[in-house]
Amino acid sequence: MVEEQGGYGGQVSFETNTRIRDLEERHRMLRDRLLLIGQNLVEIKEKTSENILEIKKDIEMIKRNMERLISFLETASAEFSKFARKEDLEILSKQAKMFQPLDFSRKKGLKKLKN
C-alpha cells in the first residue's frame, strides 16, 4: 500500500513540477514581451519628441514669414494711397491730348523759319 501511495505522490509531484515550469516559462515570456514593449515605447517617445520639435520649428518659421508678409502688406497698402487712380490718369490723358504741346512747338518752329 505504501508503494501505491509513493507512486501516486510522485505523479502529483511531477505534475506540480510541470505546472511550475510552465508558469515560469510564461513568466519569462511575459517579462521579455514587457521589455520589448518598453523599448518600443521609448523609441516611439523619442521619435514623437523629434517630430514635435520639428513641428515647433516649422511653426516658428511660419510665424516669422507671416509677420514679414503682414509688414509687407501694410507697407504696400500705405503706398497705394500715393498712386494715381485710373480716373485721374484718364483726365490727365484727355487734357494732354487737348493741349497738344508738340503742335505748338511745330507752329513756333514754322514761324521762326518764315522770319
Protein backbone atom coordinates (compact mmCIF):
# COMPACT_ATOMS: atom_id res chain seq x y z
CA MET A 1 0.00 0.00 0.00
CA VAL A 2 2.88 2.32 0.69
CA GLU A 3 4.19 1.72 -2.77
CA GLU A 4 0.89 2.76 -4.28
CA GLN A 5 0.91 5.98 -2.34
CA GLY A 6 4.55 6.66 -3.31
CA GLY A 7 3.71 6.20 -6.97
CA TYR A 8 0.75 8.48 -6.69
CA GLY A 9 2.77 11.08 -4.77
CA GLY A 10 5.46 11.01 -7.46
CA GLN A 11 2.86 11.62 -10.13
CA VAL A 12 1.44 14.61 -8.21
CA SER A 13 4.97 15.91 -7.70
CA PHE A 14 5.71 15.52 -11.45
CA GLU A 15 2.51 17.35 -12.40
CA THR A 16 3.28 20.11 -9.91
CA ASN A 17 6.82 20.50 -11.28
CA THR A 18 5.46 20.59 -14.83
CA ARG A 19 2.96 23.28 -13.91
CA ILE A 20 5.66 25.29 -12.14
CA ARG A 21 7.92 25.05 -15.22
CA ASP A 22 5.04 26.12 -17.46
CA LEU A 23 4.31 29.08 -15.19
CA GLU A 24 8.00 30.02 -15.09
CA GLU A 25 8.13 29.84 -18.91
CA ARG A 26 5.04 32.02 -19.20
CA HIS A 27 6.51 34.45 -16.69
CA ARG A 28 9.78 34.64 -18.66
CA MET A 29 7.88 35.18 -21.94
CA LEU A 30 5.73 37.91 -20.39
CA ARG A 31 8.84 39.58 -18.95
CA ASP A 32 10.54 39.50 -22.38
CA ARG A 33 7.43 40.92 -24.04
CA LEU A 34 7.20 43.63 -21.41
CA LEU A 35 10.84 44.60 -22.01
CA LEU A 36 10.24 44.70 -25.76
CA ILE A 37 7.14 46.83 -25.30
CA GLY A 38 9.12 49.16 -23.02
CA GLN A 39 11.88 49.53 -25.62
CA ASN A 40 9.33 50.21 -28.35
CA LEU A 41 7.63 52.78 -26.14
CA VAL A 42 10.92 54.58 -25.54
CA GLU A 43 11.71 54.61 -29.29
CA ILE A 44 8.24 55.88 -30.16
CA LYS A 45 8.53 58.60 -27.50
CA GLU A 46 11.89 59.73 -28.90
CA LYS A 47 10.56 59.82 -32.48
CA THR A 48 7.47 61.69 -31.34
CA SER A 49 9.59 64.21 -29.43
CA GLU A 50 11.74 64.78 -32.53
CA ASN A 51 8.63 65.23 -34.68
CA ILE A 52 7.15 67.69 -32.19
CA LEU A 53 10.40 69.65 -32.16
CA GLU A 54 10.43 69.82 -35.97
CA ILE A 55 6.79 70.93 -36.00
CA LYS A 56 7.57 73.67 -33.45
CA LYS A 57 10.45 74.88 -35.64
CA ASP A 58 8.17 74.89 -38.68
CA ILE A 59 5.52 76.84 -36.79
CA GLU A 60 8.09 79.43 -35.70
CA MET A 61 9.29 79.79 -39.30
CA ILE A 62 5.69 80.18 -40.49
CA LYS A 63 5.09 82.83 -37.82
CA ARG A 64 8.14 84.81 -38.96
CA ASN A 65 7.07 84.54 -42.58
CA MET A 66 3.55 85.69 -41.69
CA GLU A 67 4.94 88.67 -39.78
CA ARG A 68 7.10 89.65 -42.76
CA LEU A 69 4.14 89.20 -45.10
CA ILE A 70 1.91 91.35 -42.88
CA SER A 71 4.60 94.02 -42.71
CA PHE A 72 4.96 93.99 -46.49
CA LEU A 73 1.20 94.23 -46.99
CA GLU A 74 0.95 97.14 -44.56
CA THR A 75 3.75 98.95 -46.39
CA ALA A 76 2.20 98.22 -49.78
CA SER A 77 -1.25 99.38 -48.67
CA ALA A 78 0.25 102.60 -47.31
CA GLU A 79 1.88 103.19 -50.71
CA PHE A 80 -1.38 102.59 -52.60
CA SER A 81 -2.76 105.88 -51.39
CA LYS A 82 0.13 107.64 -53.15
CA PHE A 83 -0.71 106.13 -56.53
CA ALA A 84 -2.95 107.89 -59.02
CA ARG A 85 -6.34 106.43 -59.69
CA LYS A 86 -7.34 105.27 -63.14
CA GLU A 87 -9.91 108.04 -63.46
CA ASP A 88 -7.28 110.67 -62.62
CA LEU A 89 -4.95 109.29 -65.27
CA GLU A 90 -7.72 109.34 -67.86
CA ILE A 91 -8.47 113.00 -67.10
CA LEU A 92 -4.78 113.90 -67.40
CA SER A 93 -4.53 111.97 -70.65
CA LYS A 94 -7.52 113.85 -72.12
CA GLN A 95 -6.04 117.18 -71.04
CA ALA A 96 -2.71 116.33 -72.64
CA LYS A 97 -4.46 115.38 -75.89
CA MET A 98 -6.36 118.67 -75.90
CA PHE A 99 -3.26 120.71 -75.23
CA GLN A 100 -1.00 119.02 -77.87
CA PRO A 101 2.28 120.68 -76.87
CA LEU A 102 4.04 119.22 -79.89
CA ASP A 103 1.73 121.10 -82.22
CA PHE A 104 2.65 124.40 -80.56
CA SER A 105 6.34 123.77 -80.88
CA ARG A 106 5.90 122.97 -84.54
CA LYS A 107 3.98 126.15 -85.17
CA LYS A 108 6.63 128.17 -83.40
CA GLY A 109 9.27 126.39 -85.38
CA LEU A 110 7.44 127.25 -88.61
CA LYS A 111 7.15 130.93 -87.61
CA LYS A 112 10.88 131.08 -86.94
CA LEU A 113 11.59 129.54 -90.31
CA LYS A 114 9.43 132.18 -92.03
CA ASN A 115 11.25 135.05 -90.42
